[in-house]
Amino acid sequence: MTANSEDGPVYLRLRTTVAAAILRGEIRAGDQLPSVRALAAEHGANPLTVAKAYQSFQDEGYVEVRRGVGMFVLPGAAERLRSSERDRFVRQTWPRIRDQIDLLGLTPGDLLEERA
């Protein structure tokens, strides 16, 4: 889940959407992911693009494919995904955010101030 994921490739945006659902517990271990066609229709994406997003979950060992049935979230996937996403945030996303904060001259107080 990357910052500015809305600016990235569609397959990464779809991956971010599914990863967030797993991390929020909306999709749990043992649950089936939405079918490629269903997710494609829901997001107005090409099914091949959805398949590419799903392939990343399979490659990283978060889901298993049951031929003819679908993809299912594996036990421990949420914890491993959270750890991986935290690491990615600290290494890739946070440095860009920190640079933007510095560029704009924001202080911690500015960031914590509640805005209407």
Protein backbone atom coordinates (compact mmCIF):
# COMPACT_ATOMS: atom_id res chain seq x y z
CA MET A 1 0.00 0.00 0.00
CA THR A 2 1.85 2.99 -1.21
CA ALA A 3 1.26 6.68 -0.84
CA ASN A 4 -0.16 8.18 -4.00
CA SER A 5 -1.22 4.73 -5.10
CA GLU A 6 -4.01 6.46 -7.03
CA ASP A 7 -1.28 7.75 -9.35
CA GLY A 8 0.29 4.33 -9.93
CA PRO A 9 -0.51 1.50 -12.31
CA VAL A 10 -4.03 0.09 -12.10
CA TYR A 11 -2.85 -3.34 -10.96
CA LEU A 12 -1.06 -1.74 -7.99
CA ARG A 13 -4.17 0.25 -7.09
CA LEU A 14 -6.21 -2.95 -7.17
CA ARG A 15 -3.58 -4.73 -5.10
CA THR A 16 -3.71 -1.89 -2.56
CA THR A 17 -7.50 -2.18 -2.36
CA VAL A 18 -7.41 -5.94 -1.72
CA ALA A 19 -4.47 -5.65 0.70
CA ALA A 20 -6.36 -3.02 2.70
CA ALA A 21 -9.39 -5.31 2.90
CA ILE A 22 -7.18 -8.10 4.22
CA LEU A 23 -5.50 -5.80 6.75
CA ARG A 24 -8.85 -4.44 7.96
CA GLY A 25 -10.14 -7.98 8.41
CA GLU A 26 -12.82 -7.64 5.75
CA ILE A 27 -11.19 -10.60 3.99
CA ARG A 28 -9.85 -13.15 6.47
CA ALA A 29 -7.72 -16.28 6.38
CA GLY A 30 -9.68 -18.97 4.58
CA ASP A 31 -11.87 -16.47 2.74
CA GLN A 32 -12.08 -16.52 -1.02
CA LEU A 33 -10.97 -13.41 -2.88
CA PRO A 34 -13.58 -11.92 -5.21
CA SER A 35 -13.38 -13.49 -8.64
CA VAL A 36 -11.19 -11.78 -11.20
CA ARG A 37 -14.24 -10.89 -13.28
CA ALA A 38 -16.20 -9.56 -10.30
CA LEU A 39 -13.35 -7.32 -9.11
CA ALA A 40 -12.71 -6.15 -12.67
CA ALA A 41 -16.37 -5.21 -13.11
CA GLU A 42 -16.52 -3.50 -9.72
CA HIS A 43 -13.50 -1.32 -10.51
CA GLY A 44 -13.95 -0.92 -14.27
CA ALA A 45 -10.67 -2.72 -14.89
CA ASN A 46 -9.49 -5.27 -17.40
CA PRO A 47 -9.64 -8.81 -15.99
CA LEU A 48 -5.99 -9.33 -17.01
CA THR A 49 -5.06 -6.36 -14.82
CA VAL A 50 -6.90 -7.90 -11.86
CA ALA A 51 -5.18 -11.21 -12.54
CA LYS A 52 -1.81 -9.42 -12.39
CA ALA A 53 -2.71 -7.90 -9.01
CA TYR A 54 -3.83 -11.28 -7.71
CA GLN A 55 -0.68 -12.94 -9.03
CA SER A 56 1.39 -10.72 -6.74
CA PHE A 57 -0.50 -12.08 -3.73
CA GLN A 58 0.13 -15.62 -4.92
CA ASP A 59 3.81 -14.91 -5.61
CA GLU A 60 4.22 -13.49 -2.10
CA GLY A 61 2.49 -16.47 -0.49
CA TYR A 62 -0.58 -14.66 0.85
CA VAL A 63 -3.11 -16.69 -1.13
CA GLU A 64 -3.44 -20.14 -2.63
CA VAL A 65 -5.16 -21.07 -5.86
CA ARG A 66 -7.67 -23.87 -5.83
CA ARG A 67 -8.03 -24.75 -9.47
CA GLY A 68 -11.53 -24.24 -10.73
CA VAL A 69 -12.62 -22.70 -7.42
CA GLY A 70 -10.65 -19.50 -6.84
CA MET A 71 -8.03 -17.86 -4.65
CA PHE A 72 -8.13 -18.16 -0.88
CA VAL A 73 -6.30 -16.18 1.79
CA LEU A 74 -3.78 -18.32 3.66
CA PRO A 75 -3.46 -18.45 7.46
CA GLY A 76 -1.04 -15.78 8.73
CA ALA A 77 -1.34 -13.76 5.52
CA ALA A 78 -2.65 -10.63 7.27
CA GLU A 79 0.21 -10.56 9.76
CA ARG A 80 2.85 -11.14 7.09
CA LEU A 81 1.22 -8.61 4.78
CA ARG A 82 1.10 -6.01 7.59
CA SER A 83 4.80 -6.54 8.30
CA SER A 84 5.68 -6.26 4.63
CA GLU A 85 3.56 -3.14 4.14
CA ARG A 86 5.07 -1.50 7.25
CA ASP A 87 8.54 -2.15 5.90
CA ARG A 88 7.60 -0.79 2.47
CA PHE A 89 6.07 2.32 4.08
CA VAL A 90 9.18 3.04 6.15
CA ARG A 91 11.60 2.45 3.26
CA GLN A 92 9.68 3.94 0.33
CA THR A 93 6.71 6.05 1.33
CA TRP A 94 7.84 7.79 4.50
CA PRO A 95 11.00 9.35 2.97
CA ARG A 96 8.85 11.01 0.27
CA ILE A 97 6.36 12.24 2.86
CA ARG A 98 9.17 13.54 5.09
CA ASP A 99 10.71 15.38 2.12
CA GLN A 100 7.34 16.97 1.32
CA ILE A 101 6.90 18.02 4.96
CA ASP A 102 10.36 19.63 4.91
CA LEU A 103 9.70 21.30 1.56
CA LEU A 104 6.49 22.86 2.87
CA GLY A 105 8.04 23.89 6.18
CA LEU A 106 5.46 22.03 8.22
CA THR A 107 6.00 21.33 11.90
CA PRO A 108 4.76 18.34 13.94
CA GLY A 109 2.21 20.73 15.46
CA ASP A 110 0.93 21.66 12.01
CA LEU A 111 0.48 18.00 11.19
CA LEU A 112 -1.32 17.19 14.44
CA GLU A 113 -3.58 20.23 14.28
CA GLU A 114 -7.14 19.24 13.50
CA ARG A 115 -8.41 20.83 10.31
CA ALA A 116 -12.06 21.42 9.52
